[in-house]
């Protein structure tokens, strides 16, 4: 029997003593409902202007959504076909998405090496 999202949410909402010490998720679909902040133009402009490295999603992406879950800026969006796209206007190039990708299909590329972009 599979655990429903509401059952998972109840498990997360338990007191700290009752919760599992580590909660693991295989993909974004297993996440319980959580608040997500979205990127907006800040007072200093679009954060992608000063990035040194940019993440490139390579062919072979399994659409697991781990990159989306770990992006601290919330700039990875899921497209209708299930694939993911990175909003480079706001991506700071931290590389967390590439580090967390279980299939190593996100590559950090130096901005000066990127053509047409």
C-alpha atoms as a PDB file:
ATOM      1  CA  UNK A   1       0.000   0.000   0.000  1.00  0.00           C
ATOM      2  CA  UNK A   2       1.448   3.362  -0.991  1.00  0.00           C
ATOM      3  CA  UNK A   3       1.565   6.233   1.409  1.00  0.00           C
ATOM      4  CA  UNK A   4      -0.596   9.207   0.385  1.00  0.00           C
ATOM      5  CA  UNK A   5       0.666  12.785   0.414  1.00  0.00           C
ATOM      6  CA  UNK A   6      -1.605  13.615   3.348  1.00  0.00           C
ATOM      7  CA  UNK A   7      -0.125  10.685   5.317  1.00  0.00           C
ATOM      8  CA  UNK A   8       3.394  11.952   4.563  1.00  0.00           C
ATOM      9  CA  UNK A   9       2.387  15.460   5.616  1.00  0.00           C
ATOM     10  CA  UNK A  10       1.034  14.131   8.920  1.00  0.00           C
ATOM     11  CA  UNK A  11       4.356  12.363   9.513  1.00  0.00           C
ATOM     12  CA  UNK A  12       6.296  15.583   8.893  1.00  0.00           C
ATOM     13  CA  UNK A  13       3.997  17.607  11.160  1.00  0.00           C
ATOM     14  CA  UNK A  14       4.549  15.328  14.145  1.00  0.00           C
ATOM     15  CA  UNK A  15       6.548  16.672  17.051  1.00  0.00           C
ATOM     16  CA  UNK A  16      10.294  16.647  16.548  1.00  0.00           C
ATOM     17  CA  UNK A  17      10.663  13.620  18.832  1.00  0.00           C
ATOM     18  CA  UNK A  18       8.140  11.596  16.776  1.00  0.00           C
ATOM     19  CA  UNK A  19       9.479  12.495  13.307  1.00  0.00           C
ATOM     20  CA  UNK A  20      12.062  10.351  11.521  1.00  0.00           C
ATOM     21  CA  UNK A  21      15.530  11.851  11.973  1.00  0.00           C
ATOM     22  CA  UNK A  22      16.142  11.908   8.221  1.00  0.00           C
ATOM     23  CA  UNK A  23      13.396  12.301   5.646  1.00  0.00           C
ATOM     24  CA  UNK A  24      14.340  11.197   2.155  1.00  0.00           C
ATOM     25  CA  UNK A  25      12.548  11.838  -1.129  1.00  0.00           C
ATOM     26  CA  UNK A  26      13.203  10.027  -4.413  1.00  0.00           C
ATOM     27  CA  UNK A  27      11.697  12.791  -6.565  1.00  0.00           C
ATOM     28  CA  UNK A  28       9.702  16.018  -6.381  1.00  0.00           C
ATOM     29  CA  UNK A  29       6.352  14.172  -6.500  1.00  0.00           C
ATOM     30  CA  UNK A  30       6.995  12.754  -3.023  1.00  0.00           C
ATOM     31  CA  UNK A  31       7.280  16.206  -1.469  1.00  0.00           C
ATOM     32  CA  UNK A  32       4.595  17.252   0.945  1.00  0.00           C
ATOM     33  CA  UNK A  33       2.996  20.661   0.342  1.00  0.00           C
ATOM     34  CA  UNK A  34       5.496  23.326   1.348  1.00  0.00           C
ATOM     35  CA  UNK A  35       5.656  27.064   0.742  1.00  0.00           C
ATOM     36  CA  UNK A  36       7.920  28.070  -2.126  1.00  0.00           C
ATOM     37  CA  UNK A  37       9.188  31.575  -2.784  1.00  0.00           C
ATOM     38  CA  UNK A  38       9.495  32.728  -6.368  1.00  0.00           C
ATOM     39  CA  UNK A  39      12.269  34.905  -7.807  1.00  0.00           C
ATOM     40  CA  UNK A  40      11.512  38.562  -8.487  1.00  0.00           C
ATOM     41  CA  UNK A  41      13.628  41.456  -9.673  1.00  0.00           C
ATOM     42  CA  UNK A  42      15.413  42.784  -6.611  1.00  0.00           C
ATOM     43  CA  UNK A  43      16.673  46.237  -5.795  1.00  0.00           C
ATOM     44  CA  UNK A  44      20.079  45.407  -7.261  1.00  0.00           C
ATOM     45  CA  UNK A  45      18.622  43.950 -10.465  1.00  0.00           C
ATOM     46  CA  UNK A  46      18.532  40.478 -11.874  1.00  0.00           C
ATOM     47  CA  UNK A  47      20.890  38.284  -9.915  1.00  0.00           C
ATOM     48  CA  UNK A  48      22.025  36.349 -12.988  1.00  0.00           C
ATOM     49  CA  UNK A  49      23.952  39.447 -14.164  1.00  0.00           C
ATOM     50  CA  UNK A  50      26.933  38.679 -11.942  1.00  0.00           C
ATOM     51  CA  UNK A  51      27.030  34.875 -12.215  1.00  0.00           C
ATOM     52  CA  UNK A  52      30.402  33.250 -13.064  1.00  0.00           C
ATOM     53  CA  UNK A  53      29.100  29.743 -13.847  1.00  0.00           C
ATOM     54  CA  UNK A  54      25.750  28.756 -15.338  1.00  0.00           C
ATOM     55  CA  UNK A  55      24.036  25.395 -15.044  1.00  0.00           C
ATOM     56  CA  UNK A  56      23.249  23.584 -18.292  1.00  0.00           C
ATOM     57  CA  UNK A  57      20.776  20.688 -18.227  1.00  0.00           C
ATOM     58  CA  UNK A  58      22.188  18.021 -20.542  1.00  0.00           C
ATOM     59  CA  UNK A  59      20.363  15.347 -22.524  1.00  0.00           C
ATOM     60  CA  UNK A  60      19.706  12.325 -20.382  1.00  0.00           C
ATOM     61  CA  UNK A  61      17.835  14.241 -17.668  1.00  0.00           C
ATOM     62  CA  UNK A  62      15.437  11.775 -16.010  1.00  0.00           C
ATOM     63  CA  UNK A  63      12.999  14.549 -14.964  1.00  0.00           C
ATOM     64  CA  UNK A  64      13.255  13.471 -11.308  1.00  0.00           C
ATOM     65  CA  UNK A  65      13.013  17.060 -10.032  1.00  0.00           C
ATOM     66  CA  UNK A  66      15.820  16.808  -7.486  1.00  0.00           C
ATOM     67  CA  UNK A  67      17.362  19.985  -8.961  1.00  0.00           C
ATOM     68  CA  UNK A  68      14.043  21.780  -8.500  1.00  0.00           C
ATOM     69  CA  UNK A  69      13.806  20.613  -4.888  1.00  0.00           C
ATOM     70  CA  UNK A  70      17.299  21.799  -3.961  1.00  0.00           C
ATOM     71  CA  UNK A  71      17.495  25.114  -5.855  1.00  0.00           C
ATOM     72  CA  UNK A  72      17.780  27.734  -3.085  1.00  0.00           C
ATOM     73  CA  UNK A  73      16.558  30.517  -5.372  1.00  0.00           C
ATOM     74  CA  UNK A  74      13.520  28.717  -6.817  1.00  0.00           C
ATOM     75  CA  UNK A  75      14.576  29.419 -10.401  1.00  0.00           C
ATOM     76  CA  UNK A  76      14.054  25.924 -11.817  1.00  0.00           C
ATOM     77  CA  UNK A  77      10.645  25.473 -13.391  1.00  0.00           C
ATOM     78  CA  UNK A  78       8.893  22.317 -14.532  1.00  0.00           C
ATOM     79  CA  UNK A  79       7.635  22.508 -18.115  1.00  0.00           C
ATOM     80  CA  UNK A  80       4.474  20.837 -19.469  1.00  0.00           C
ATOM     81  CA  UNK A  81       6.450  17.892 -20.866  1.00  0.00           C
ATOM     82  CA  UNK A  82       7.883  17.165 -17.397  1.00  0.00           C
ATOM     83  CA  UNK A  83      11.342  18.493 -18.160  1.00  0.00           C
ATOM     84  CA  UNK A  84      12.912  21.313 -16.174  1.00  0.00           C
ATOM     85  CA  UNK A  85      14.194  24.724 -17.245  1.00  0.00           C
ATOM     86  CA  UNK A  86      16.465  27.122 -15.366  1.00  0.00           C
ATOM     87  CA  UNK A  87      15.585  30.838 -15.357  1.00  0.00           C
ATOM     88  CA  UNK A  88      19.035  32.273 -15.991  1.00  0.00           C
ATOM     89  CA  UNK A  89      17.873  35.839 -15.264  1.00  0.00           C
ATOM     90  CA  UNK A  90      17.809  34.958 -11.576  1.00  0.00           C
ATOM     91  CA  UNK A  91      20.121  31.944 -11.278  1.00  0.00           C
ATOM     92  CA  UNK A  92      23.155  32.833  -9.171  1.00  0.00           C
ATOM     93  CA  UNK A  93      25.216  29.901 -10.425  1.00  0.00           C
ATOM     94  CA  UNK A  94      25.748  28.301  -7.014  1.00  0.00           C
ATOM     95  CA  UNK A  95      25.920  24.795  -8.529  1.00  0.00           C
ATOM     96  CA  UNK A  96      23.724  23.082  -5.938  1.00  0.00           C
ATOM     97  CA  UNK A  97      21.475  21.713  -8.705  1.00  0.00           C
ATOM     98  CA  UNK A  98      24.478  20.141 -10.449  1.00  0.00           C
ATOM     99  CA  UNK A  99      25.841  18.745  -7.189  1.00  0.00           C
ATOM    100  CA  UNK A 100      22.502  17.162  -6.250  1.00  0.00           C
ATOM    101  CA  UNK A 101      21.607  15.764  -9.698  1.00  0.00           C
ATOM    102  CA  UNK A 102      21.683  11.969  -9.215  1.00  0.00           C
ATOM    103  CA  UNK A 103      22.418  11.332 -12.908  1.00  0.00           C
ATOM    104  CA  UNK A 104      25.026  14.122 -13.280  1.00  0.00           C
ATOM    105  CA  UNK A 105      23.094  15.684 -16.159  1.00  0.00           C
ATOM    106  CA  UNK A 106      23.563  19.282 -15.041  1.00  0.00           C
ATOM    107  CA  UNK A 107      26.908  20.790 -15.922  1.00  0.00           C
ATOM    108  CA  UNK A 108      28.277  24.060 -14.581  1.00  0.00           C
ATOM    109  CA  UNK A 109      29.787  26.007 -17.471  1.00  0.00           C
ATOM    110  CA  UNK A 110      31.848  29.187 -17.163  1.00  0.00           C
ATOM    111  CA  UNK A 111      29.815  32.132 -18.499  1.00  0.00           C
ATOM    112  CA  UNK A 112      32.700  33.263 -20.710  1.00  0.00           C
ATOM    113  CA  UNK A 113      32.646  29.848 -22.434  1.00  0.00           C
ATOM    114  CA  UNK A 114      28.933  29.984 -23.294  1.00  0.00           C
ATOM    115  CA  UNK A 115      28.127  30.877 -26.896  1.00  0.00           C
ATOM    116  CA  UNK A 116      24.955  32.842 -27.794  1.00  0.00           C
ATOM    117  CA  UNK A 117      23.790  33.407 -24.385  1.00  0.00           C
END
